[in-house]
mmCIF file of all heavy atoms, coordinates in Angstrom:
data_MODEL
# 
_entry.id   MODEL 
# 
loop_
_atom_site.group_PDB 
_atom_site.id 
_atom_site.type_symbol 
_atom_site.label_atom_id 
_atom_site.label_alt_id 
_atom_site.label_comp_id 
_atom_site.label_asym_id 
_atom_site.label_entity_id 
_atom_site.label_seq_id 
_atom_site.pdbx_PDB_ins_code 
_atom_site.Cartn_x 
_atom_site.Cartn_y 
_atom_site.Cartn_z 
_atom_site.occupancy 
_atom_site.B_iso_or_equiv 
_atom_site.pdbx_formal_charge 
_atom_site.auth_seq_id 
_atom_site.auth_comp_id 
_atom_site.auth_asym_id 
_atom_site.auth_atom_id 
_atom_site.pdbx_PDB_model_num 
ATOM 1   N N   . ARG A 1 1  ? -23.118 -35.152 -49.568 1.00 0.00 ? 1  ARG A N   1 
ATOM 2   C CA  . ARG A 1 1  ? -22.361 -35.359 -48.339 1.00 0.00 ? 1  ARG A CA  1 
ATOM 3   C C   . ARG A 1 1  ? -23.226 -35.056 -47.115 1.00 0.00 ? 1  ARG A C   1 
ATOM 4   O O   . ARG A 1 1  ? -23.202 -35.796 -46.122 1.00 0.00 ? 1  ARG A O   1 
ATOM 5   C CB  . ARG A 1 1  ? -21.133 -34.452 -48.368 1.00 0.00 ? 1  ARG A CB  1 
ATOM 6   C CG  . ARG A 1 1  ? -20.186 -34.694 -47.261 1.00 0.00 ? 1  ARG A CG  1 
ATOM 7   C CD  . ARG A 1 1  ? -19.002 -33.763 -47.398 1.00 0.00 ? 1  ARG A CD  1 
ATOM 8   N NE  . ARG A 1 1  ? -17.800 -34.525 -47.218 1.00 0.00 ? 1  ARG A NE  1 
ATOM 9   C CZ  . ARG A 1 1  ? -16.596 -34.079 -47.456 1.00 0.00 ? 1  ARG A CZ  1 
ATOM 10  N NH1 . ARG A 1 1  ? -16.438 -32.873 -47.956 1.00 0.00 ? 1  ARG A NH1 1 
ATOM 11  N NH2 . ARG A 1 1  ? -15.552 -34.824 -47.225 1.00 0.00 ? 1  ARG A NH2 1 
ATOM 12  N N   . PHE A 1 2  ? -23.999 -33.975 -47.195 1.00 0.00 ? 2  PHE A N   1 
ATOM 13  C CA  . PHE A 1 2  ? -24.894 -33.610 -46.103 1.00 0.00 ? 2  PHE A CA  1 
ATOM 14  C C   . PHE A 1 2  ? -25.942 -34.696 -45.873 1.00 0.00 ? 2  PHE A C   1 
ATOM 15  O O   . PHE A 1 2  ? -26.222 -35.076 -44.735 1.00 0.00 ? 2  PHE A O   1 
ATOM 16  C CB  . PHE A 1 2  ? -25.572 -32.265 -46.402 1.00 0.00 ? 2  PHE A CB  1 
ATOM 17  C CG  . PHE A 1 2  ? -26.589 -31.870 -45.382 1.00 0.00 ? 2  PHE A CG  1 
ATOM 18  C CD1 . PHE A 1 2  ? -26.199 -31.404 -44.140 1.00 0.00 ? 2  PHE A CD1 1 
ATOM 19  C CD2 . PHE A 1 2  ? -27.946 -31.983 -45.660 1.00 0.00 ? 2  PHE A CD2 1 
ATOM 20  C CE1 . PHE A 1 2  ? -27.138 -31.042 -43.184 1.00 0.00 ? 2  PHE A CE1 1 
ATOM 21  C CE2 . PHE A 1 2  ? -28.889 -31.635 -44.718 1.00 0.00 ? 2  PHE A CE2 1 
ATOM 22  C CZ  . PHE A 1 2  ? -28.482 -31.157 -43.474 1.00 0.00 ? 2  PHE A CZ  1 
ATOM 23  N N   . MET A 1 3  ? -26.531 -35.199 -46.955 1.00 0.00 ? 3  MET A N   1 
ATOM 24  C CA  . MET A 1 3  ? -27.550 -36.251 -46.834 1.00 0.00 ? 3  MET A CA  1 
ATOM 25  C C   . MET A 1 3  ? -26.954 -37.517 -46.224 1.00 0.00 ? 3  MET A C   1 
ATOM 26  O O   . MET A 1 3  ? -27.599 -38.179 -45.406 1.00 0.00 ? 3  MET A O   1 
ATOM 27  C CB  . MET A 1 3  ? -28.180 -36.557 -48.203 1.00 0.00 ? 3  MET A CB  1 
ATOM 28  C CG  . MET A 1 3  ? -29.126 -35.470 -48.688 1.00 0.00 ? 3  MET A CG  1 
ATOM 29  S SD  . MET A 1 3  ? -30.445 -35.089 -47.531 1.00 0.00 ? 3  MET A SD  1 
ATOM 30  C CE  . MET A 1 3  ? -31.345 -36.616 -47.535 1.00 0.00 ? 3  MET A CE  1 
ATOM 31  N N   . LEU A 1 4  ? -25.737 -37.854 -46.613 1.00 0.00 ? 4  LEU A N   1 
ATOM 32  C CA  . LEU A 1 4  ? -25.087 -39.034 -46.034 1.00 0.00 ? 4  LEU A CA  1 
ATOM 33  C C   . LEU A 1 4  ? -24.852 -38.850 -44.537 1.00 0.00 ? 4  LEU A C   1 
ATOM 34  O O   . LEU A 1 4  ? -25.017 -39.794 -43.765 1.00 0.00 ? 4  LEU A O   1 
ATOM 35  C CB  . LEU A 1 4  ? -23.769 -39.317 -46.757 1.00 0.00 ? 4  LEU A CB  1 
ATOM 36  C CG  . LEU A 1 4  ? -23.898 -39.884 -48.169 1.00 0.00 ? 4  LEU A CG  1 
ATOM 37  C CD1 . LEU A 1 4  ? -22.521 -39.999 -48.823 1.00 0.00 ? 4  LEU A CD1 1 
ATOM 38  C CD2 . LEU A 1 4  ? -24.591 -41.235 -48.152 1.00 0.00 ? 4  LEU A CD2 1 
ATOM 39  N N   . LYS A 1 5  ? -24.485 -37.651 -44.129 1.00 0.00 ? 5  LYS A N   1 
ATOM 40  C CA  . LYS A 1 5  ? -24.304 -37.382 -42.705 1.00 0.00 ? 5  LYS A CA  1 
ATOM 41  C C   . LYS A 1 5  ? -25.621 -37.510 -41.953 1.00 0.00 ? 5  LYS A C   1 
ATOM 42  O O   . LYS A 1 5  ? -25.679 -38.087 -40.868 1.00 0.00 ? 5  LYS A O   1 
ATOM 43  C CB  . LYS A 1 5  ? -23.720 -35.984 -42.498 1.00 0.00 ? 5  LYS A CB  1 
ATOM 44  C CG  . LYS A 1 5  ? -22.260 -35.876 -42.815 1.00 0.00 ? 5  LYS A CG  1 
ATOM 45  C CD  . LYS A 1 5  ? -21.743 -34.469 -42.527 1.00 0.00 ? 5  LYS A CD  1 
ATOM 46  C CE  . LYS A 1 5  ? -20.272 -34.357 -42.886 1.00 0.00 ? 5  LYS A CE  1 
ATOM 47  N NZ  . LYS A 1 5  ? -19.750 -32.996 -42.621 1.00 0.00 ? 5  LYS A NZ  1 
ATOM 48  N N   . VAL A 1 6  ? -26.676 -36.972 -42.536 1.00 0.00 ? 6  VAL A N   1 
ATOM 49  C CA  . VAL A 1 6  ? -27.995 -37.048 -41.897 1.00 0.00 ? 6  VAL A CA  1 
ATOM 50  C C   . VAL A 1 6  ? -28.448 -38.503 -41.787 1.00 0.00 ? 6  VAL A C   1 
ATOM 51  O O   . VAL A 1 6  ? -28.935 -38.935 -40.734 1.00 0.00 ? 6  VAL A O   1 
ATOM 52  C CB  . VAL A 1 6  ? -29.032 -36.199 -42.666 1.00 0.00 ? 6  VAL A CB  1 
ATOM 53  C CG1 . VAL A 1 6  ? -30.447 -36.484 -42.185 1.00 0.00 ? 6  VAL A CG1 1 
ATOM 54  C CG2 . VAL A 1 6  ? -28.705 -34.724 -42.559 1.00 0.00 ? 6  VAL A CG2 1 
ATOM 55  N N   . ILE A 1 7  ? -28.289 -39.263 -42.840 1.00 0.00 ? 7  ILE A N   1 
ATOM 56  C CA  . ILE A 1 7  ? -28.673 -40.678 -42.818 1.00 0.00 ? 7  ILE A CA  1 
ATOM 57  C C   . ILE A 1 7  ? -27.853 -41.438 -41.787 1.00 0.00 ? 7  ILE A C   1 
ATOM 58  O O   . ILE A 1 7  ? -28.375 -42.281 -41.048 1.00 0.00 ? 7  ILE A O   1 
ATOM 59  C CB  . ILE A 1 7  ? -28.525 -41.297 -44.229 1.00 0.00 ? 7  ILE A CB  1 
ATOM 60  C CG1 . ILE A 1 7  ? -29.595 -40.719 -45.156 1.00 0.00 ? 7  ILE A CG1 1 
ATOM 61  C CG2 . ILE A 1 7  ? -28.614 -42.819 -44.174 1.00 0.00 ? 7  ILE A CG2 1 
ATOM 62  C CD1 . ILE A 1 7  ? -29.421 -41.083 -46.613 1.00 0.00 ? 7  ILE A CD1 1 
ATOM 63  N N   . PHE A 1 8  ? -26.567 -41.137 -41.708 1.00 0.00 ? 8  PHE A N   1 
ATOM 64  C CA  . PHE A 1 8  ? -25.700 -41.788 -40.726 1.00 0.00 ? 8  PHE A CA  1 
ATOM 65  C C   . PHE A 1 8  ? -26.170 -41.475 -39.307 1.00 0.00 ? 8  PHE A C   1 
ATOM 66  O O   . PHE A 1 8  ? -26.279 -42.373 -38.463 1.00 0.00 ? 8  PHE A O   1 
ATOM 67  C CB  . PHE A 1 8  ? -24.248 -41.334 -40.922 1.00 0.00 ? 8  PHE A CB  1 
ATOM 68  C CG  . PHE A 1 8  ? -23.308 -41.881 -39.898 1.00 0.00 ? 8  PHE A CG  1 
ATOM 69  C CD1 . PHE A 1 8  ? -22.882 -43.184 -39.970 1.00 0.00 ? 8  PHE A CD1 1 
ATOM 70  C CD2 . PHE A 1 8  ? -22.869 -41.083 -38.853 1.00 0.00 ? 8  PHE A CD2 1 
ATOM 71  C CE1 . PHE A 1 8  ? -22.018 -43.699 -39.018 1.00 0.00 ? 8  PHE A CE1 1 
ATOM 72  C CE2 . PHE A 1 8  ? -22.006 -41.577 -37.901 1.00 0.00 ? 8  PHE A CE2 1 
ATOM 73  C CZ  . PHE A 1 8  ? -21.580 -42.889 -37.980 1.00 0.00 ? 8  PHE A CZ  1 
ATOM 74  N N   . ILE A 1 9  ? -26.463 -40.218 -39.031 1.00 0.00 ? 9  ILE A N   1 
ATOM 75  C CA  . ILE A 1 9  ? -26.902 -39.820 -37.689 1.00 0.00 ? 9  ILE A CA  1 
ATOM 76  C C   . ILE A 1 9  ? -28.227 -40.494 -37.331 1.00 0.00 ? 9  ILE A C   1 
ATOM 77  O O   . ILE A 1 9  ? -28.404 -41.001 -36.220 1.00 0.00 ? 9  ILE A O   1 
ATOM 78  C CB  . ILE A 1 9  ? -27.013 -38.280 -37.588 1.00 0.00 ? 9  ILE A CB  1 
ATOM 79  C CG1 . ILE A 1 9  ? -25.614 -37.675 -37.641 1.00 0.00 ? 9  ILE A CG1 1 
ATOM 80  C CG2 . ILE A 1 9  ? -27.757 -37.860 -36.330 1.00 0.00 ? 9  ILE A CG2 1 
ATOM 81  C CD1 . ILE A 1 9  ? -25.597 -36.167 -37.772 1.00 0.00 ? 9  ILE A CD1 1 
ATOM 82  N N   . ILE A 1 10 ? -29.154 -40.528 -38.269 1.00 0.00 ? 10 ILE A N   1 
ATOM 83  C CA  . ILE A 1 10 ? -30.455 -41.168 -38.018 1.00 0.00 ? 10 ILE A CA  1 
ATOM 84  C C   . ILE A 1 10 ? -30.288 -42.658 -37.761 1.00 0.00 ? 10 ILE A C   1 
ATOM 85  O O   . ILE A 1 10 ? -30.862 -43.208 -36.813 1.00 0.00 ? 10 ILE A O   1 
ATOM 86  C CB  . ILE A 1 10 ? -31.428 -40.906 -39.190 1.00 0.00 ? 10 ILE A CB  1 
ATOM 87  C CG1 . ILE A 1 10 ? -31.829 -39.432 -39.212 1.00 0.00 ? 10 ILE A CG1 1 
ATOM 88  C CG2 . ILE A 1 10 ? -32.659 -41.794 -39.093 1.00 0.00 ? 10 ILE A CG2 1 
ATOM 89  C CD1 . ILE A 1 10 ? -32.615 -39.025 -40.430 1.00 0.00 ? 10 ILE A CD1 1 
ATOM 90  N N   . SER A 1 11 ? -29.481 -43.320 -38.578 1.00 0.00 ? 11 SER A N   1 
ATOM 91  C CA  . SER A 1 11 ? -29.294 -44.769 -38.401 1.00 0.00 ? 11 SER A CA  1 
ATOM 92  C C   . SER A 1 11 ? -28.589 -45.072 -37.083 1.00 0.00 ? 11 SER A C   1 
ATOM 93  O O   . SER A 1 11 ? -28.944 -46.030 -36.392 1.00 0.00 ? 11 SER A O   1 
ATOM 94  C CB  . SER A 1 11 ? -28.539 -45.366 -39.580 1.00 0.00 ? 11 SER A CB  1 
ATOM 95  O OG  . SER A 1 11 ? -27.238 -44.828 -39.663 1.00 0.00 ? 11 SER A OG  1 
ATOM 96  N N   . MET A 1 12 ? -27.616 -44.261 -36.691 1.00 0.00 ? 12 MET A N   1 
ATOM 97  C CA  . MET A 1 12 ? -26.925 -44.478 -35.412 1.00 0.00 ? 12 MET A CA  1 
ATOM 98  C C   . MET A 1 12 ? -27.868 -44.234 -34.230 1.00 0.00 ? 12 MET A C   1 
ATOM 99  O O   . MET A 1 12 ? -27.815 -44.955 -33.233 1.00 0.00 ? 12 MET A O   1 
ATOM 100 C CB  . MET A 1 12 ? -25.704 -43.549 -35.292 1.00 0.00 ? 12 MET A CB  1 
ATOM 101 C CG  . MET A 1 12 ? -24.541 -43.972 -36.129 1.00 0.00 ? 12 MET A CG  1 
ATOM 102 S SD  . MET A 1 12 ? -23.869 -45.538 -35.563 1.00 0.00 ? 12 MET A SD  1 
ATOM 103 C CE  . MET A 1 12 ? -24.108 -46.552 -36.976 1.00 0.00 ? 12 MET A CE  1 
ATOM 104 N N   . THR A 1 13 ? -28.755 -43.265 -34.356 1.00 0.00 ? 13 THR A N   1 
ATOM 105 C CA  . THR A 1 13 ? -29.733 -42.993 -33.300 1.00 0.00 ? 13 THR A CA  1 
ATOM 106 C C   . THR A 1 13 ? -30.673 -44.184 -33.130 1.00 0.00 ? 13 THR A C   1 
ATOM 107 O O   . THR A 1 13 ? -30.955 -44.613 -32.001 1.00 0.00 ? 13 THR A O   1 
ATOM 108 C CB  . THR A 1 13 ? -30.536 -41.722 -33.635 1.00 0.00 ? 13 THR A CB  1 
ATOM 109 O OG1 . THR A 1 13 ? -29.627 -40.639 -33.807 1.00 0.00 ? 13 THR A OG1 1 
ATOM 110 C CG2 . THR A 1 13 ? -31.539 -41.406 -32.548 1.00 0.00 ? 13 THR A CG2 1 
ATOM 111 N N   . ILE A 1 14 ? -31.143 -44.728 -34.233 1.00 0.00 ? 14 ILE A N   1 
ATOM 112 C CA  . ILE A 1 14 ? -32.049 -45.879 -34.180 1.00 0.00 ? 14 ILE A CA  1 
ATOM 113 C C   . ILE A 1 14 ? -31.342 -47.095 -33.586 1.00 0.00 ? 14 ILE A C   1 
ATOM 114 O O   . ILE A 1 14 ? -31.880 -47.776 -32.706 1.00 0.00 ? 14 ILE A O   1 
ATOM 115 C CB  . ILE A 1 14 ? -32.609 -46.186 -35.583 1.00 0.00 ? 14 ILE A CB  1 
ATOM 116 C CG1 . ILE A 1 14 ? -33.554 -45.070 -36.019 1.00 0.00 ? 14 ILE A CG1 1 
ATOM 117 C CG2 . ILE A 1 14 ? -33.319 -47.539 -35.616 1.00 0.00 ? 14 ILE A CG2 1 
ATOM 118 C CD1 . ILE A 1 14 ? -33.979 -45.138 -37.468 1.00 0.00 ? 14 ILE A CD1 1 
ATOM 119 N N   . LEU A 1 15 ? -30.120 -47.360 -34.037 1.00 0.00 ? 15 LEU A N   1 
ATOM 120 C CA  . LEU A 1 15 ? -29.372 -48.502 -33.511 1.00 0.00 ? 15 LEU A CA  1 
ATOM 121 C C   . LEU A 1 15 ? -29.069 -48.346 -32.023 1.00 0.00 ? 15 LEU A C   1 
ATOM 122 O O   . LEU A 1 15 ? -29.167 -49.306 -31.258 1.00 0.00 ? 15 LEU A O   1 
ATOM 123 C CB  . LEU A 1 15 ? -28.071 -48.688 -34.292 1.00 0.00 ? 15 LEU A CB  1 
ATOM 124 C CG  . LEU A 1 15 ? -28.229 -49.241 -35.710 1.00 0.00 ? 15 LEU A CG  1 
ATOM 125 C CD1 . LEU A 1 15 ? -26.892 -49.219 -36.436 1.00 0.00 ? 15 LEU A CD1 1 
ATOM 126 C CD2 . LEU A 1 15 ? -28.783 -50.653 -35.670 1.00 0.00 ? 15 LEU A CD2 1 
ATOM 127 N N   . THR A 1 16 ? -28.732 -47.138 -31.614 1.00 0.00 ? 16 THR A N   1 
ATOM 128 C CA  . THR A 1 16 ? -28.457 -46.896 -30.194 1.00 0.00 ? 16 THR A CA  1 
ATOM 129 C C   . THR A 1 16 ? -29.715 -47.114 -29.359 1.00 0.00 ? 16 THR A C   1 
ATOM 130 O O   . THR A 1 16 ? -29.650 -47.720 -28.285 1.00 0.00 ? 16 THR A O   1 
ATOM 131 C CB  . THR A 1 16 ? -27.932 -45.463 -29.991 1.00 0.00 ? 16 THR A CB  1 
ATOM 132 O OG1 . THR A 1 16 ? -26.763 -45.282 -30.792 1.00 0.00 ? 16 THR A OG1 1 
ATOM 133 C CG2 . THR A 1 16 ? -27.595 -45.198 -28.543 1.00 0.00 ? 16 THR A CG2 1 
ATOM 134 N N   . SER A 1 17 ? -30.851 -46.665 -29.852 1.00 0.00 ? 17 SER A N   1 
ATOM 135 C CA  . SER A 1 17 ? -32.113 -46.860 -29.133 1.00 0.00 ? 17 SER A CA  1 
ATOM 136 C C   . SER A 1 17 ? -32.433 -48.339 -28.978 1.00 0.00 ? 17 SER A C   1 
ATOM 137 O O   . SER A 1 17 ? -32.834 -48.789 -27.901 1.00 0.00 ? 17 SER A O   1 
ATOM 138 C CB  . SER A 1 17 ? -33.259 -46.170 -29.868 1.00 0.00 ? 17 SER A CB  1 
ATOM 139 O OG  . SER A 1 17 ? -33.026 -44.793 -29.949 1.00 0.00 ? 17 SER A OG  1 
ATOM 140 N N   . ILE A 1 18 ? -32.236 -49.093 -30.044 1.00 0.00 ? 18 ILE A N   1 
ATOM 141 C CA  . ILE A 1 18 ? -32.494 -50.541 -29.992 1.00 0.00 ? 18 ILE A CA  1 
ATOM 142 C C   . ILE A 1 18 ? -31.567 -51.203 -28.985 1.00 0.00 ? 18 ILE A C   1 
ATOM 143 O O   . ILE A 1 18 ? -31.993 -52.027 -28.171 1.00 0.00 ? 18 ILE A O   1 
ATOM 144 C CB  . ILE A 1 18 ? -32.345 -51.161 -31.398 1.00 0.00 ? 18 ILE A CB  1 
ATOM 145 C CG1 . ILE A 1 18 ? -33.484 -50.687 -32.297 1.00 0.00 ? 18 ILE A CG1 1 
ATOM 146 C CG2 . ILE A 1 18 ? -32.324 -52.687 -31.310 1.00 0.00 ? 18 ILE A CG2 1 
ATOM 147 C CD1 . ILE A 1 18 ? -33.304 -51.042 -33.755 1.00 0.00 ? 18 ILE A CD1 1 
ATOM 148 N N   . CYS A 1 19 ? -30.286 -50.822 -29.009 1.00 0.00 ? 19 CYS A N   1 
ATOM 149 C CA  . CYS A 1 19 ? -29.326 -51.401 -28.059 1.00 0.00 ? 19 CYS A CA  1 
ATOM 150 C C   . CYS A 1 19 ? -29.683 -51.060 -26.620 1.00 0.00 ? 19 CYS A C   1 
ATOM 151 O O   . CYS A 1 19 ? -29.583 -51.908 -25.727 1.00 0.00 ? 19 CYS A O   1 
ATOM 152 C CB  . CYS A 1 19 ? -27.909 -50.928 -28.372 1.00 0.00 ? 19 CYS A CB  1 
ATOM 153 S SG  . CYS A 1 19 ? -27.239 -51.652 -29.876 1.00 0.00 ? 19 CYS A SG  1 
ATOM 154 N N   . LEU A 1 20 ? -30.115 -49.826 -26.381 1.00 0.00 ? 20 LEU A N   1 
ATOM 155 C CA  . LEU A 1 20 ? -30.492 -49.435 -25.023 1.00 0.00 ? 20 LEU A CA  1 
ATOM 156 C C   . LEU A 1 20 ? -31.707 -50.204 -24.529 1.00 0.00 ? 20 LEU A C   1 
ATOM 157 O O   . LEU A 1 20 ? -31.771 -50.594 -23.357 1.00 0.00 ? 20 LEU A O   1 
ATOM 158 C CB  . LEU A 1 20 ? -30.758 -47.931 -24.963 1.00 0.00 ? 20 LEU A CB  1 
ATOM 159 C CG  . LEU A 1 20 ? -29.520 -47.052 -25.025 1.00 0.00 ? 20 LEU A CG  1 
ATOM 160 C CD1 . LEU A 1 20 ? -29.928 -45.583 -25.111 1.00 0.00 ? 20 LEU A CD1 1 
ATOM 161 C CD2 . LEU A 1 20 ? -28.626 -47.281 -23.833 1.00 0.00 ? 20 LEU A CD2 1 
ATOM 162 N N   . ILE A 1 21 ? -32.656 -50.452 -25.407 1.00 0.00 ? 21 ILE A N   1 
ATOM 163 C CA  . ILE A 1 21 ? -33.834 -51.244 -25.014 1.00 0.00 ? 21 ILE A CA  1 
ATOM 164 C C   . ILE A 1 21 ? -33.418 -52.665 -24.686 1.00 0.00 ? 21 ILE A C   1 
ATOM 165 O O   . ILE A 1 21 ? -33.880 -53.253 -23.703 1.00 0.00 ? 21 ILE A O   1 
ATOM 166 C CB  . ILE A 1 21 ? -34.909 -51.210 -26.125 1.00 0.00 ? 21 ILE A CB  1 
ATOM 167 C CG1 . ILE A 1 21 ? -35.542 -49.824 -26.179 1.00 0.00 ? 21 ILE A CG1 1 
ATOM 168 C CG2 . ILE A 1 21 ? -35.971 -52.279 -25.893 1.00 0.00 ? 21 ILE A CG2 1 
ATOM 169 C CD1 . ILE A 1 21 ? -36.486 -49.617 -27.343 1.00 0.00 ? 21 ILE A CD1 1 
ATOM 170 N N   . ILE A 1 22 ? -32.516 -53.237 -25.476 1.00 0.00 ? 22 ILE A N   1 
ATOM 171 C CA  . ILE A 1 22 ? -32.042 -54.606 -25.214 1.00 0.00 ? 22 ILE A CA  1 
ATOM 172 C C   . ILE A 1 22 ? -31.305 -54.664 -23.881 1.00 0.00 ? 22 ILE A C   1 
ATOM 173 O O   . ILE A 1 22 ? -31.531 -55.575 -23.068 1.00 0.00 ? 22 ILE A O   1 
ATOM 174 C CB  . ILE A 1 22 ? -31.154 -55.096 -26.371 1.00 0.00 ? 22 ILE A CB  1 
ATOM 175 C CG1 . ILE A 1 22 ? -32.004 -55.311 -27.625 1.00 0.00 ? 22 ILE A CG1 1 
ATOM 176 C CG2 . ILE A 1 22 ? -30.415 -56.380 -25.993 1.00 0.00 ? 22 ILE A CG2 1 
ATOM 177 C CD1 . ILE A 1 22 ? -31.210 -55.561 -28.886 1.00 0.00 ? 22 ILE A CD1 1 
ATOM 178 N N   . VAL A 1 23 ? -30.424 -53.702 -23.625 1.00 0.00 ? 23 VAL A N   1 
ATOM 179 C CA  . VAL A 1 23 ? -29.689 -53.676 -22.354 1.00 0.00 ? 23 VAL A CA  1 
ATOM 180 C C   . VAL A 1 23 ? -30.654 -53.493 -21.185 1.00 0.00 ? 23 VAL A C   1 
ATOM 181 O O   . VAL A 1 23 ? -30.543 -54.165 -20.162 1.00 0.00 ? 23 VAL A O   1 
ATOM 182 C CB  . VAL A 1 23 ? -28.621 -52.558 -22.373 1.00 0.00 ? 23 VAL A CB  1 
ATOM 183 C CG1 . VAL A 1 23 ? -28.051 -52.316 -20.994 1.00 0.00 ? 23 VAL A CG1 1 
ATOM 184 C CG2 . VAL A 1 23 ? -27.523 -52.901 -23.359 1.00 0.00 ? 23 VAL A CG2 1 
ATOM 185 N N   . TYR A 1 24 ? -31.620 -52.596 -21.335 1.00 0.00 ? 24 TYR A N   1 
ATOM 186 C CA  . TYR A 1 24 ? -32.623 -52.353 -20.295 1.00 0.00 ? 24 TYR A CA  1 
ATOM 187 C C   . TYR A 1 24 ? -33.397 -53.639 -20.003 1.00 0.00 ? 24 TYR A C   1 
ATOM 188 O O   . TYR A 1 24 ? -33.614 -54.011 -18.852 1.00 0.00 ? 24 TYR A O   1 
ATOM 189 C CB  . TYR A 1 24 ? -33.556 -51.235 -20.761 1.00 0.00 ? 24 TYR A CB  1 
ATOM 190 C CG  . TYR A 1 24 ? -34.750 -50.971 -19.883 1.00 0.00 ? 24 TYR A CG  1 
ATOM 191 C CD1 . TYR A 1 24 ? -34.627 -50.199 -18.739 1.00 0.00 ? 24 TYR A CD1 1 
ATOM 192 C CD2 . TYR A 1 24 ? -36.006 -51.476 -20.210 1.00 0.00 ? 24 TYR A CD2 1 
ATOM 193 C CE1 . TYR A 1 24 ? -35.717 -49.936 -17.928 1.00 0.00 ? 24 TYR A CE1 1 
ATOM 194 C CE2 . TYR A 1 24 ? -37.095 -51.225 -19.405 1.00 0.00 ? 24 TYR A CE2 1 
ATOM 195 C CZ  . TYR A 1 24 ? -36.949 -50.453 -18.273 1.00 0.00 ? 24 TYR A CZ  1 
ATOM 196 O OH  . TYR A 1 24 ? -38.039 -50.211 -17.475 1.00 0.00 ? 24 TYR A OH  1 
ATOM 197 N N   . ASP A 1 25 ? -33.801 -54.324 -21.058 1.00 0.00 ? 25 ASP A N   1 
ATOM 198 C CA  . ASP A 1 25 ? -34.551 -55.569 -20.915 1.00 0.00 ? 25 ASP A CA  1 
ATOM 199 C C   . ASP A 1 25 ? -33.723 -56.626 -20.199 1.00 0.00 ? 25 ASP A C   1 
ATOM 200 O O   . ASP A 1 25 ? -34.205 -57.300 -19.288 1.00 0.00 ? 25 ASP A O   1 
ATOM 201 C CB  . ASP A 1 25 ? -34.969 -56.081 -22.294 1.00 0.00 ? 25 ASP A CB  1 
ATOM 202 C CG  . ASP A 1 25 ? -36.470 -56.160 -22.447 1.00 0.00 ? 25 ASP A CG  1 
ATOM 203 O OD1 . ASP A 1 25 ? -37.174 -55.537 -21.640 1.00 0.00 ? 25 ASP A OD1 1 
ATOM 204 O OD2 . ASP A 1 25 ? -36.919 -56.850 -23.372 1.00 0.00 ? 25 ASP A OD2 1 
ATOM 205 N N   . ASN A 1 26 ? -32.474 -56.797 -20.631 1.00 0.00 ? 26 ASN A N   1 
ATOM 206 C CA  . ASN A 1 26 ? -31.614 -57.814 -20.024 1.00 0.00 ? 26 ASN A CA  1 
ATOM 207 C C   . ASN A 1 26 ? -31.326 -57.504 -18.560 1.00 0.00 ? 26 ASN A C   1 
ATOM 208 O O   . ASN A 1 26 ? -31.327 -58.407 -17.721 1.00 0.00 ? 26 ASN A O   1 
ATOM 209 C CB  . ASN A 1 26 ? -30.304 -57.940 -20.805 1.00 0.00 ? 26 ASN A CB  1 
ATOM 210 C CG  . ASN A 1 26 ? -30.506 -58.622 -22.142 1.00 0.00 ? 26 ASN A CG  1 
ATOM 211 O OD1 . ASN A 1 26 ? -31.482 -59.325 -22.338 1.00 0.00 ? 26 ASN A OD1 1 
ATOM 212 N ND2 . ASN A 1 26 ? -29.599 -58.391 -23.057 1.00 0.00 ? 26 ASN A ND2 1 
ATOM 213 N N   . ALA A 1 27 ? -31.074 -56.234 -18.250 1.00 0.00 ? 27 ALA A N   1 
ATOM 214 C CA  . ALA A 1 27 ? -30.806 -55.858 -16.856 1.00 0.00 ? 27 ALA A CA  1 
ATOM 215 C C   . ALA A 1 27 ? -32.022 -56.124 -15.984 1.00 0.00 ? 27 ALA A C   1 
ATOM 216 O O   . ALA A 1 27 ? -31.900 -56.665 -14.868 1.00 0.00 ? 27 ALA A O   1 
ATOM 217 C CB  . ALA A 1 27 ? -30.406 -54.396 -16.784 1.00 0.00 ? 27 ALA A CB  1 
ATOM 218 N N   . ASN A 1 28 ? -33.196 -55.765 -16.463 1.00 0.00 ? 28 ASN A N   1 
ATOM 219 C CA  . ASN A 1 28 ? -34.408 -55.996 -15.679 1.00 0.00 ? 28 ASN A CA  1 
ATOM 220 C C   . ASN A 1 28 ? -34.721 -57.474 -15.533 1.00 0.00 ? 28 ASN A C   1 
ATOM 221 O O   . ASN A 1 28 ? -35.231 -57.902 -14.506 1.00 0.00 ? 28 ASN A O   1 
ATOM 222 C CB  . ASN A 1 28 ? -35.589 -55.254 -16.296 1.00 0.00 ? 28 ASN A CB  1 
ATOM 223 C CG  . ASN A 1 28 ? -35.576 -53.793 -15.931 1.00 0.00 ? 28 ASN A CG  1 
ATOM 224 O OD1 . ASN A 1 28 ? -35.149 -53.439 -14.849 1.00 0.00 ? 28 ASN A OD1 1 
ATOM 225 N ND2 . ASN A 1 28 ? -36.017 -52.943 -16.832 1.00 0.00 ? 28 ASN A ND2 1 
ATOM 226 N N   . THR A 1 29 ? -34.402 -58.265 -16.546 1.00 0.00 ? 29 THR A N   1 
ATOM 227 C CA  . THR A 1 29 ? -34.612 -59.708 -16.449 1.00 0.00 ? 29 THR A CA  1 
ATOM 228 C C   . THR A 1 29 ? -33.697 -60.299 -15.383 1.00 0.00 ? 29 THR A C   1 
ATOM 229 O O   . THR A 1 29 ? -34.127 -61.136 -14.577 1.00 0.00 ? 29 THR A O   1 
ATOM 230 C CB  . THR A 1 29 ? -34.344 -60.381 -17.811 1.00 0.00 ? 29 THR A CB  1 
ATOM 231 O OG1 . THR A 1 29 ? -35.235 -59.819 -18.775 1.00 0.00 ? 29 THR A OG1 1 
ATOM 232 C CG2 . THR A 1 29 ? -34.571 -61.870 -17.743 1.00 0.00 ? 29 THR A CG2 1 
# 
């Protein structure tokens, strides 16, 4: 259960970072 929580947090962090870069790129464009 702990490992699943850690994996979930890591994957959400990565996805959020990717989304923020996309939003940043689109706004600057």
